[in-house]
N, C-alpha and C. Protein backbone atom coordinates (compact mmCIF):
# COMPACT_ATOMS: atom_id res chain seq x y z
N MET A 1 111.51 179.02 160.59
CA MET A 1 111.72 177.62 160.28
C MET A 1 112.77 177.06 161.21
N ASN A 2 112.55 175.86 161.50
CA ASN A 2 113.52 175.17 162.34
C ASN A 2 114.70 174.78 161.49
N SER A 3 115.82 174.73 162.16
CA SER A 3 116.98 174.26 161.42
C SER A 3 116.83 172.76 161.12
N ARG A 4 116.04 172.27 161.90
CA ARG A 4 115.80 170.83 161.68
C ARG A 4 114.44 170.68 161.03
N GLU A 5 114.43 170.23 159.81
CA GLU A 5 113.15 170.05 159.13
C GLU A 5 112.65 168.65 159.40
N GLU A 6 111.39 168.57 159.37
CA GLU A 6 110.82 167.25 159.59
C GLU A 6 110.88 166.46 158.28
N VAL A 7 111.37 165.26 158.43
CA VAL A 7 111.50 164.39 157.28
C VAL A 7 110.27 163.50 157.24
N PRO A 8 109.69 163.39 156.07
CA PRO A 8 108.50 162.51 156.00
C PRO A 8 108.88 161.09 156.42
N ALA A 9 107.90 160.37 156.93
CA ALA A 9 108.13 159.03 157.45
C ALA A 9 108.59 158.06 156.39
N ASP A 10 108.14 158.19 155.12
CA ASP A 10 108.53 157.28 154.05
C ASP A 10 110.01 157.39 153.77
N ILE A 11 110.54 158.59 153.79
CA ILE A 11 111.95 158.77 153.48
C ILE A 11 112.80 158.25 154.62
N SER A 12 112.38 158.45 155.84
CA SER A 12 113.18 157.98 156.96
C SER A 12 113.24 156.44 157.00
N ARG A 13 112.29 155.77 156.41
CA ARG A 13 112.33 154.31 156.37
C ARG A 13 113.06 153.80 155.15
N GLY A 14 113.54 154.63 154.30
CA GLY A 14 114.32 154.24 153.15
C GLY A 14 113.50 154.13 151.88
N ARG A 15 112.29 154.55 151.87
CA ARG A 15 111.47 154.48 150.68
C ARG A 15 111.20 155.88 150.20
N SER A 16 111.30 156.06 148.95
CA SER A 16 111.03 157.36 148.37
C SER A 16 109.53 157.57 148.30
N SER A 17 109.13 158.75 148.53
CA SER A 17 107.69 159.03 148.49
C SER A 17 107.18 159.03 147.07
N MET A 18 108.09 159.02 146.07
CA MET A 18 107.67 159.05 144.68
C MET A 18 107.30 157.64 144.19
N ALA A 19 107.86 156.57 144.79
CA ALA A 19 107.64 155.22 144.29
C ALA A 19 106.23 154.75 144.56
N GLY A 20 105.71 155.01 145.66
CA GLY A 20 104.36 154.60 146.01
C GLY A 20 104.29 153.09 146.26
N PRO A 21 103.19 152.60 146.70
CA PRO A 21 103.04 151.17 146.96
C PRO A 21 103.05 150.37 145.66
N PRO A 22 103.50 149.07 145.70
CA PRO A 22 103.51 148.26 144.47
C PRO A 22 102.10 148.14 143.94
N SER A 23 102.01 148.18 142.62
CA SER A 23 100.68 148.16 142.01
C SER A 23 100.19 146.72 141.86
N ASN A 24 98.88 146.61 141.82
CA ASN A 24 98.27 145.30 141.64
C ASN A 24 98.51 144.78 140.23
N GLU A 25 98.71 145.66 139.27
CA GLU A 25 98.96 145.25 137.89
C GLU A 25 100.27 144.50 137.81
N ARG A 26 101.30 144.97 138.49
CA ARG A 26 102.61 144.31 138.46
C ARG A 26 102.51 142.94 139.12
N ARG A 27 101.79 142.86 140.21
CA ARG A 27 101.62 141.58 140.91
C ARG A 27 100.87 140.58 140.03
N SER A 28 99.83 141.02 139.35
CA SER A 28 99.06 140.11 138.51
C SER A 28 99.87 139.67 137.29
N PHE A 29 100.71 140.54 136.75
CA PHE A 29 101.57 140.16 135.61
C PHE A 29 102.57 139.10 136.04
N LEU A 30 103.22 139.30 137.20
CA LEU A 30 104.19 138.31 137.69
C LEU A 30 103.49 136.98 138.01
N GLY A 31 102.29 137.04 138.56
CA GLY A 31 101.52 135.82 138.83
C GLY A 31 101.18 135.07 137.55
N ALA A 32 100.79 135.82 136.52
CA ALA A 32 100.47 135.19 135.24
C ALA A 32 101.73 134.59 134.61
N LEU A 33 102.86 135.28 134.73
CA LEU A 33 104.12 134.78 134.20
C LEU A 33 104.54 133.49 134.89
N VAL A 34 104.41 133.42 136.20
CA VAL A 34 104.74 132.20 136.96
C VAL A 34 103.78 131.07 136.57
N ALA A 35 102.50 131.38 136.43
CA ALA A 35 101.52 130.35 136.06
C ALA A 35 101.81 129.80 134.66
N LEU A 36 102.16 130.69 133.72
CA LEU A 36 102.50 130.24 132.36
C LEU A 36 103.75 129.37 132.35
N GLY A 37 104.76 129.75 133.11
CA GLY A 37 105.98 128.95 133.21
C GLY A 37 105.71 127.58 133.83
N SER A 38 104.87 127.54 134.86
CA SER A 38 104.52 126.28 135.50
C SER A 38 103.76 125.37 134.56
N PHE A 39 102.84 125.95 133.78
CA PHE A 39 102.08 125.17 132.80
C PHE A 39 103.01 124.57 131.74
N CYS A 40 103.95 125.37 131.24
CA CYS A 40 104.89 124.88 130.22
C CYS A 40 105.76 123.75 130.77
N MET A 41 106.23 123.89 131.99
CA MET A 41 107.05 122.83 132.59
C MET A 41 106.23 121.56 132.80
N ALA A 42 105.00 121.71 133.23
CA ALA A 42 104.14 120.53 133.45
C ALA A 42 103.85 119.84 132.11
N ALA A 43 103.65 120.62 131.06
CA ALA A 43 103.40 120.04 129.74
C ALA A 43 104.64 119.28 129.25
N LEU A 44 105.82 119.86 129.42
CA LEU A 44 107.04 119.19 128.98
C LEU A 44 107.30 117.91 129.78
N LEU A 45 107.03 117.94 131.06
CA LEU A 45 107.26 116.75 131.89
C LEU A 45 106.20 115.66 131.66
N SER A 46 105.03 116.03 131.17
CA SER A 46 103.99 115.04 130.97
C SER A 46 104.12 114.30 129.63
N VAL A 47 104.88 114.84 128.67
CA VAL A 47 105.04 114.19 127.37
C VAL A 47 105.60 112.77 127.52
N PRO A 48 106.69 112.53 128.27
CA PRO A 48 107.17 111.14 128.41
C PRO A 48 106.15 110.24 129.09
N LEU A 49 105.38 110.76 130.05
CA LEU A 49 104.39 109.94 130.73
C LEU A 49 103.28 109.53 129.78
N VAL A 50 102.82 110.45 128.96
CA VAL A 50 101.76 110.15 127.99
C VAL A 50 102.29 109.16 126.96
N ARG A 51 103.52 109.35 126.49
CA ARG A 51 104.09 108.43 125.50
C ARG A 51 104.24 107.03 126.09
N PHE A 52 104.66 106.96 127.35
CA PHE A 52 104.79 105.66 128.02
C PHE A 52 103.44 104.96 128.11
N ALA A 53 102.39 105.71 128.42
CA ALA A 53 101.06 105.13 128.56
C ALA A 53 100.49 104.67 127.23
N LEU A 54 100.81 105.37 126.14
CA LEU A 54 100.27 105.04 124.82
C LEU A 54 101.16 104.12 124.00
N PHE A 55 102.36 103.80 124.48
CA PHE A 55 103.31 103.01 123.70
C PHE A 55 102.75 101.69 123.18
N PRO A 56 102.05 100.90 124.02
CA PRO A 56 101.54 99.64 123.49
C PRO A 56 100.55 99.81 122.33
N LEU A 57 99.81 100.91 122.32
CA LEU A 57 98.87 101.15 121.24
C LEU A 57 99.56 101.61 119.96
N LEU A 58 100.66 102.33 120.11
CA LEU A 58 101.33 102.93 118.96
C LEU A 58 102.53 102.13 118.45
N ARG A 59 102.88 101.07 119.17
CA ARG A 59 104.09 100.32 118.82
C ARG A 59 103.93 99.68 117.44
N ARG A 60 104.93 99.83 116.64
CA ARG A 60 104.97 99.24 115.32
C ARG A 60 106.29 98.53 115.13
N THR A 61 106.23 97.32 114.65
CA THR A 61 107.45 96.59 114.30
C THR A 61 107.38 96.26 112.82
N THR A 62 108.50 96.00 112.26
CA THR A 62 108.51 95.67 110.84
C THR A 62 107.95 94.28 110.63
N GLU A 63 107.35 94.11 109.50
CA GLU A 63 106.85 92.80 109.13
C GLU A 63 108.05 91.95 108.77
N LEU A 64 108.07 90.73 109.26
CA LEU A 64 109.20 89.84 108.99
C LEU A 64 109.20 89.44 107.52
N GLU A 65 110.33 89.63 106.90
CA GLU A 65 110.48 89.24 105.51
C GLU A 65 110.77 87.75 105.44
N PRO A 66 110.34 87.09 104.38
CA PRO A 66 110.65 85.67 104.23
C PRO A 66 112.18 85.46 104.12
N SER A 67 112.64 84.40 104.77
CA SER A 67 114.06 84.07 104.77
C SER A 67 114.31 82.89 103.82
N PRO A 68 115.40 82.91 103.08
CA PRO A 68 115.69 81.79 102.17
C PRO A 68 116.12 80.56 102.97
N VAL A 69 115.55 79.41 102.57
CA VAL A 69 115.88 78.14 103.20
C VAL A 69 116.84 77.36 102.32
N GLY A 70 116.66 77.45 101.03
CA GLY A 70 117.53 76.76 100.09
C GLY A 70 116.85 76.64 98.74
N SER A 71 117.60 76.08 97.81
CA SER A 71 117.10 75.87 96.45
C SER A 71 116.12 74.70 96.43
N LEU A 72 115.14 74.77 95.54
CA LEU A 72 114.18 73.68 95.42
C LEU A 72 114.88 72.37 95.02
N SER A 73 115.96 72.48 94.26
CA SER A 73 116.67 71.27 93.84
C SER A 73 117.31 70.54 95.03
N ASP A 74 117.60 71.28 96.12
CA ASP A 74 118.14 70.67 97.33
C ASP A 74 117.14 69.72 98.00
N PHE A 75 115.86 69.95 97.75
CA PHE A 75 114.83 69.18 98.43
C PHE A 75 114.04 68.28 97.48
N SER A 76 114.52 68.07 96.27
CA SER A 76 113.77 67.26 95.29
C SER A 76 113.65 65.81 95.69
N SER A 77 114.69 65.20 96.23
CA SER A 77 114.63 63.79 96.63
C SER A 77 114.65 63.66 98.15
N LEU A 78 113.79 64.38 98.78
CA LEU A 78 113.71 64.42 100.24
C LEU A 78 112.98 63.20 100.78
N SER A 79 113.68 62.41 101.63
CA SER A 79 113.04 61.25 102.27
C SER A 79 112.87 61.49 103.77
N ASP A 80 113.81 62.14 104.41
CA ASP A 80 113.76 62.49 105.83
C ASP A 80 113.79 64.00 105.96
N PRO A 81 113.24 64.52 107.06
CA PRO A 81 113.31 65.98 107.29
C PRO A 81 114.76 66.46 107.33
N VAL A 82 114.97 67.65 106.80
CA VAL A 82 116.30 68.26 106.75
C VAL A 82 116.29 69.52 107.62
N MET A 83 117.27 69.61 108.50
CA MET A 83 117.36 70.77 109.37
C MET A 83 118.11 71.90 108.65
N ARG A 84 117.58 73.10 108.71
CA ARG A 84 118.22 74.29 108.15
C ARG A 84 118.19 75.42 109.16
N THR A 85 119.20 76.27 109.10
CA THR A 85 119.25 77.47 109.95
C THR A 85 118.97 78.67 109.07
N ILE A 86 118.03 79.48 109.50
CA ILE A 86 117.68 80.70 108.75
C ILE A 86 118.02 81.91 109.60
N HIS A 87 118.21 83.04 108.95
CA HIS A 87 118.47 84.31 109.63
C HIS A 87 117.22 85.16 109.54
N VAL A 88 116.74 85.59 110.69
CA VAL A 88 115.53 86.40 110.77
C VAL A 88 115.93 87.80 111.17
N GLU A 89 115.59 88.79 110.35
CA GLU A 89 115.93 90.18 110.61
C GLU A 89 114.66 90.96 110.91
N GLN A 90 114.69 91.67 112.05
CA GLN A 90 113.53 92.46 112.45
C GLN A 90 114.00 93.81 112.95
N ILE A 91 113.34 94.86 112.49
CA ILE A 91 113.66 96.23 112.91
C ILE A 91 112.51 96.71 113.78
N ASP A 92 112.85 97.10 115.02
CA ASP A 92 111.86 97.55 115.99
C ASP A 92 112.31 98.92 116.49
N GLY A 93 111.72 99.97 115.97
CA GLY A 93 112.17 101.32 116.32
C GLY A 93 113.53 101.57 115.76
N TRP A 94 114.51 101.81 116.61
CA TRP A 94 115.87 102.06 116.17
C TRP A 94 116.73 100.82 116.28
N ARG A 95 116.17 99.75 116.78
CA ARG A 95 116.93 98.53 117.04
C ARG A 95 116.75 97.54 115.91
N LYS A 96 117.85 97.00 115.43
CA LYS A 96 117.81 95.98 114.38
C LYS A 96 118.31 94.68 115.01
N ALA A 97 117.47 93.66 114.98
CA ALA A 97 117.82 92.38 115.57
C ALA A 97 117.88 91.30 114.50
N ILE A 98 119.00 90.58 114.48
CA ILE A 98 119.16 89.46 113.55
C ILE A 98 119.35 88.23 114.41
N SER A 99 118.48 87.26 114.22
CA SER A 99 118.58 86.03 115.02
C SER A 99 118.58 84.82 114.10
N GLU A 100 119.16 83.73 114.59
CA GLU A 100 119.19 82.49 113.86
C GLU A 100 118.12 81.56 114.41
N LYS A 101 117.36 80.97 113.54
CA LYS A 101 116.31 80.03 113.93
C LYS A 101 116.50 78.74 113.16
N THR A 102 116.17 77.63 113.81
CA THR A 102 116.28 76.33 113.19
C THR A 102 114.90 75.88 112.72
N VAL A 103 114.83 75.41 111.48
CA VAL A 103 113.59 74.90 110.90
C VAL A 103 113.87 73.55 110.26
N TYR A 104 112.82 72.80 110.01
CA TYR A 104 112.94 71.52 109.32
C TYR A 104 112.13 71.58 108.04
N VAL A 105 112.78 71.17 106.94
CA VAL A 105 112.10 71.06 105.66
C VAL A 105 111.71 69.60 105.51
N THR A 106 110.44 69.34 105.29
CA THR A 106 109.94 67.97 105.16
C THR A 106 108.80 67.95 104.16
N LYS A 107 108.19 66.82 104.01
CA LYS A 107 107.02 66.69 103.14
C LYS A 107 105.81 66.41 104.00
N ASP A 108 104.69 67.04 103.63
CA ASP A 108 103.46 66.82 104.39
C ASP A 108 102.79 65.53 103.93
N SER A 109 101.58 65.28 104.42
CA SER A 109 100.86 64.05 104.12
C SER A 109 100.50 63.94 102.64
N ARG A 110 100.46 65.04 101.89
CA ARG A 110 100.16 65.03 100.45
C ARG A 110 101.43 64.92 99.61
N GLY A 111 102.59 64.93 100.28
CA GLY A 111 103.86 64.83 99.56
C GLY A 111 104.43 66.16 99.10
N GLU A 112 103.87 67.28 99.57
CA GLU A 112 104.35 68.61 99.21
C GLU A 112 105.32 69.10 100.27
N LEU A 113 106.26 69.97 99.84
CA LEU A 113 107.23 70.53 100.78
C LEU A 113 106.53 71.39 101.83
N CYS A 114 106.95 71.26 103.05
CA CYS A 114 106.50 72.16 104.13
C CYS A 114 107.67 72.40 105.07
N VAL A 115 107.62 73.48 105.78
CA VAL A 115 108.68 73.87 106.72
C VAL A 115 108.07 73.90 108.12
N LEU A 116 108.73 73.21 109.05
CA LEU A 116 108.26 73.12 110.43
C LEU A 116 109.20 73.90 111.35
N SER A 117 108.59 74.55 112.35
CA SER A 117 109.38 75.20 113.38
C SER A 117 109.97 74.12 114.28
N SER A 118 111.18 74.33 114.75
CA SER A 118 111.81 73.33 115.63
C SER A 118 111.44 73.55 117.09
N ILE A 119 110.58 74.51 117.36
CA ILE A 119 110.16 74.82 118.72
C ILE A 119 108.96 73.95 119.11
N CYS A 120 109.09 73.22 120.20
CA CYS A 120 108.03 72.32 120.66
C CYS A 120 106.80 73.15 121.08
N PRO A 121 105.61 72.75 120.64
CA PRO A 121 104.40 73.49 121.02
C PRO A 121 103.98 73.29 122.46
N HIS A 122 104.70 72.43 123.18
CA HIS A 122 104.36 72.20 124.59
C HIS A 122 104.96 73.30 125.45
N LEU A 123 106.30 73.33 125.61
CA LEU A 123 106.94 74.35 126.46
C LEU A 123 108.13 75.02 125.78
N GLY A 124 108.30 74.88 124.49
CA GLY A 124 109.30 75.64 123.77
C GLY A 124 110.69 75.04 123.67
N CYS A 125 110.87 73.78 123.97
CA CYS A 125 112.19 73.15 123.81
C CYS A 125 112.47 72.95 122.31
N THR A 126 113.72 72.82 121.97
CA THR A 126 114.08 72.54 120.60
C THR A 126 113.92 71.04 120.32
N VAL A 127 113.16 70.73 119.29
CA VAL A 127 112.84 69.34 118.97
C VAL A 127 113.80 68.84 117.88
N PRO A 128 114.62 67.83 118.18
CA PRO A 128 115.52 67.29 117.16
C PRO A 128 114.88 66.15 116.38
N TRP A 129 115.40 65.90 115.18
CA TRP A 129 115.00 64.75 114.38
C TRP A 129 115.83 63.57 114.84
N VAL A 130 115.16 62.45 115.20
CA VAL A 130 115.85 61.24 115.63
C VAL A 130 115.80 60.28 114.43
N ALA A 131 116.91 60.23 113.69
CA ALA A 131 116.94 59.46 112.45
C ALA A 131 116.77 57.95 112.71
N ALA A 132 117.30 57.46 113.82
CA ALA A 132 117.20 56.03 114.12
C ALA A 132 115.75 55.59 114.30
N LYS A 133 114.92 56.45 114.86
CA LYS A 133 113.50 56.11 115.09
C LYS A 133 112.58 56.66 114.00
N LYS A 134 113.13 57.49 113.11
CA LYS A 134 112.35 58.13 112.04
C LYS A 134 111.21 58.96 112.61
N GLU A 135 111.53 59.76 113.64
CA GLU A 135 110.53 60.62 114.26
C GLU A 135 111.22 61.80 114.96
N PHE A 136 110.43 62.84 115.24
CA PHE A 136 110.91 63.95 116.04
C PHE A 136 110.64 63.59 117.50
N GLY A 137 111.61 63.84 118.38
CA GLY A 137 111.42 63.55 119.79
C GLY A 137 111.87 64.70 120.64
N CYS A 138 110.95 65.26 121.44
CA CYS A 138 111.28 66.38 122.32
C CYS A 138 112.00 65.84 123.55
N PRO A 139 113.21 66.31 123.82
CA PRO A 139 113.98 65.80 124.94
C PRO A 139 113.50 66.29 126.30
N CYS A 140 112.69 67.32 126.34
CA CYS A 140 112.28 67.89 127.63
C CYS A 140 111.17 67.10 128.31
N HIS A 141 110.11 66.80 127.57
CA HIS A 141 108.95 66.14 128.20
C HIS A 141 108.45 64.94 127.41
N GLY A 142 109.21 64.47 126.45
CA GLY A 142 108.89 63.23 125.76
C GLY A 142 107.84 63.33 124.66
N GLY A 143 107.61 64.49 124.10
CA GLY A 143 106.68 64.61 122.98
C GLY A 143 107.26 63.93 121.75
N VAL A 144 106.42 63.20 121.02
CA VAL A 144 106.87 62.48 119.82
C VAL A 144 106.02 62.95 118.64
N PHE A 145 106.71 63.22 117.52
CA PHE A 145 106.03 63.71 116.32
C PHE A 145 106.47 62.90 115.11
N ALA A 146 105.56 62.73 114.16
CA ALA A 146 105.84 62.01 112.91
C ALA A 146 106.73 62.87 112.01
N PRO A 147 107.30 62.28 110.94
CA PRO A 147 108.14 63.07 110.04
C PRO A 147 107.46 64.28 109.42
N ASP A 148 106.15 64.25 109.29
CA ASP A 148 105.44 65.42 108.75
C ASP A 148 105.00 66.41 109.84
N GLY A 149 105.37 66.14 111.12
CA GLY A 149 105.11 67.04 112.22
C GLY A 149 103.86 66.75 113.01
N THR A 150 103.07 65.76 112.58
CA THR A 150 101.85 65.44 113.33
C THR A 150 102.21 64.82 114.68
N ARG A 151 101.38 65.07 115.67
CA ARG A 151 101.62 64.59 117.03
C ARG A 151 101.33 63.09 117.10
N ILE A 152 102.28 62.35 117.69
CA ILE A 152 102.08 60.92 117.90
C ILE A 152 101.73 60.66 119.36
N SER A 153 102.54 61.20 120.28
CA SER A 153 102.27 60.98 121.71
C SER A 153 102.97 62.05 122.53
N GLY A 154 102.69 62.04 123.83
CA GLY A 154 103.33 62.96 124.74
C GLY A 154 102.42 64.10 125.16
N PRO A 155 102.96 65.03 125.95
CA PRO A 155 102.13 66.12 126.48
C PRO A 155 101.76 67.25 125.50
N PRO A 156 102.45 67.42 124.35
CA PRO A 156 102.01 68.51 123.47
C PRO A 156 100.57 68.33 123.04
N LEU A 157 99.82 69.42 122.98
CA LEU A 157 98.42 69.38 122.62
C LEU A 157 98.17 69.45 121.11
N ARG A 158 99.21 69.77 120.34
CA ARG A 158 99.02 69.88 118.89
C ARG A 158 100.28 69.41 118.18
N ALA A 159 100.22 69.39 116.86
CA ALA A 159 101.35 68.99 116.05
C ALA A 159 102.41 70.09 116.04
N MET A 160 103.56 69.79 115.47
CA MET A 160 104.61 70.81 115.33
C MET A 160 104.06 71.91 114.42
N ASP A 161 104.48 73.13 114.64
CA ASP A 161 103.93 74.27 113.91
C ASP A 161 104.55 74.39 112.53
N SER A 162 103.70 74.43 111.51
CA SER A 162 104.18 74.66 110.15
C SER A 162 104.26 76.16 109.90
N LEU A 163 105.20 76.57 109.08
CA LEU A 163 105.44 77.96 108.79
C LEU A 163 105.01 78.29 107.36
N GLN A 164 104.69 79.56 107.12
CA GLN A 164 104.29 80.00 105.77
C GLN A 164 105.48 79.95 104.84
N THR A 165 105.28 79.35 103.67
CA THR A 165 106.36 79.27 102.67
C THR A 165 105.90 79.83 101.35
N LYS A 166 106.88 80.18 100.54
CA LYS A 166 106.62 80.55 99.16
C LYS A 166 107.85 80.23 98.34
N ILE A 167 107.65 80.09 97.05
CA ILE A 167 108.75 79.78 96.14
C ILE A 167 108.94 80.99 95.25
N GLN A 168 110.21 81.46 95.19
CA GLN A 168 110.53 82.62 94.37
C GLN A 168 111.88 82.40 93.72
N ASP A 169 111.92 82.45 92.42
CA ASP A 169 113.14 82.27 91.63
C ASP A 169 113.86 80.96 91.97
N GLY A 170 113.09 79.89 92.16
CA GLY A 170 113.68 78.60 92.44
C GLY A 170 114.19 78.42 93.86
N GLN A 171 113.89 79.38 94.72
CA GLN A 171 114.30 79.31 96.13
C GLN A 171 113.07 79.09 97.01
N LEU A 172 113.23 78.29 98.04
CA LEU A 172 112.19 78.10 99.03
C LEU A 172 112.39 79.14 100.12
N LEU A 173 111.37 79.97 100.34
CA LEU A 173 111.42 81.03 101.35
C LEU A 173 110.42 80.71 102.46
N VAL A 174 110.78 81.04 103.69
CA VAL A 174 109.91 80.79 104.83
C VAL A 174 109.79 82.06 105.66
N ARG A 175 108.60 82.26 106.20
CA ARG A 175 108.35 83.40 107.10
C ARG A 175 108.25 82.84 108.51
N PHE A 176 109.25 83.14 109.35
CA PHE A 176 109.30 82.59 110.70
C PHE A 176 108.32 83.32 111.60
N GLN A 177 107.62 82.55 112.47
CA GLN A 177 106.68 83.12 113.43
C GLN A 177 106.79 82.36 114.75
N TYR A 178 106.36 83.00 115.81
CA TYR A 178 106.26 82.36 117.12
C TYR A 178 104.79 82.05 117.38
N PHE A 179 104.55 80.92 118.05
CA PHE A 179 103.19 80.49 118.33
C PHE A 179 103.02 80.27 119.82
N ARG A 180 101.79 80.45 120.30
CA ARG A 180 101.47 80.28 121.71
C ARG A 180 101.64 78.82 122.09
N GLN A 181 102.25 78.60 123.24
CA GLN A 181 102.49 77.25 123.72
C GLN A 181 101.39 76.83 124.69
N LEU A 182 101.27 75.53 124.91
CA LEU A 182 100.32 74.95 125.86
C LEU A 182 98.85 75.15 125.45
N VAL A 183 98.58 75.36 124.20
CA VAL A 183 97.20 75.44 123.72
C VAL A 183 97.03 74.49 122.54
N ALA A 184 95.80 74.02 122.34
CA ALA A 184 95.54 73.04 121.28
C ALA A 184 95.49 73.68 119.90
N ASP A 185 95.09 74.94 119.83
CA ASP A 185 95.00 75.65 118.54
C ASP A 185 96.27 76.46 118.28
N LYS A 186 96.60 76.57 117.04
CA LYS A 186 97.80 77.30 116.63
C LYS A 186 97.49 78.80 116.63
N GLU A 187 98.07 79.56 117.58
CA GLU A 187 97.85 81.00 117.70
C GLU A 187 99.18 81.73 117.52
N ILE A 188 99.24 82.68 116.61
CA ILE A 188 100.44 83.45 116.37
C ILE A 188 100.61 84.48 117.47
N VAL A 189 101.82 84.55 118.05
CA VAL A 189 102.10 85.58 119.06
C VAL A 189 103.19 86.54 118.63
N GLY A 190 103.88 86.27 117.58
CA GLY A 190 104.93 87.20 117.13
C GLY A 190 105.66 86.72 115.92
């Protein structure tokens, strides 16, 4: 024997002859693990995108509760429209919004109480009651309305919008709504 033994080529390169080449099973397991991790990450990242795309279909807001306008005795001898401010509370998701809206309590053509929105049906300006002329007059574009809210003249295509009312325990309650502007028919938008 030589004093110098021949060393196998695997050992001289730093690899043990016992380890052998990497198996295909180990490679396929690592590939499957990477694929599973990629799928989970893609699923987690797609949840906000899917929710964003479906939000308009799933959006829910609370139904507006009727707001108190005043006691019926306050409006028993009503000759001219009376302006009142109501508080409208709406919960949308986690957000709670309280807003003040101006309405007019008046009598309709039959002499019954009705509540009118102060928003002009033309372009949304606030319509004040002009006591000297006994009419509503829109300061923005000159729309004129009768005391019961019917259109007299000007660019608005319809009368002032009346709101849903009900009487409960001697109180006049109104449900505030927004209506589409610049159209002849009264369409609820919110």
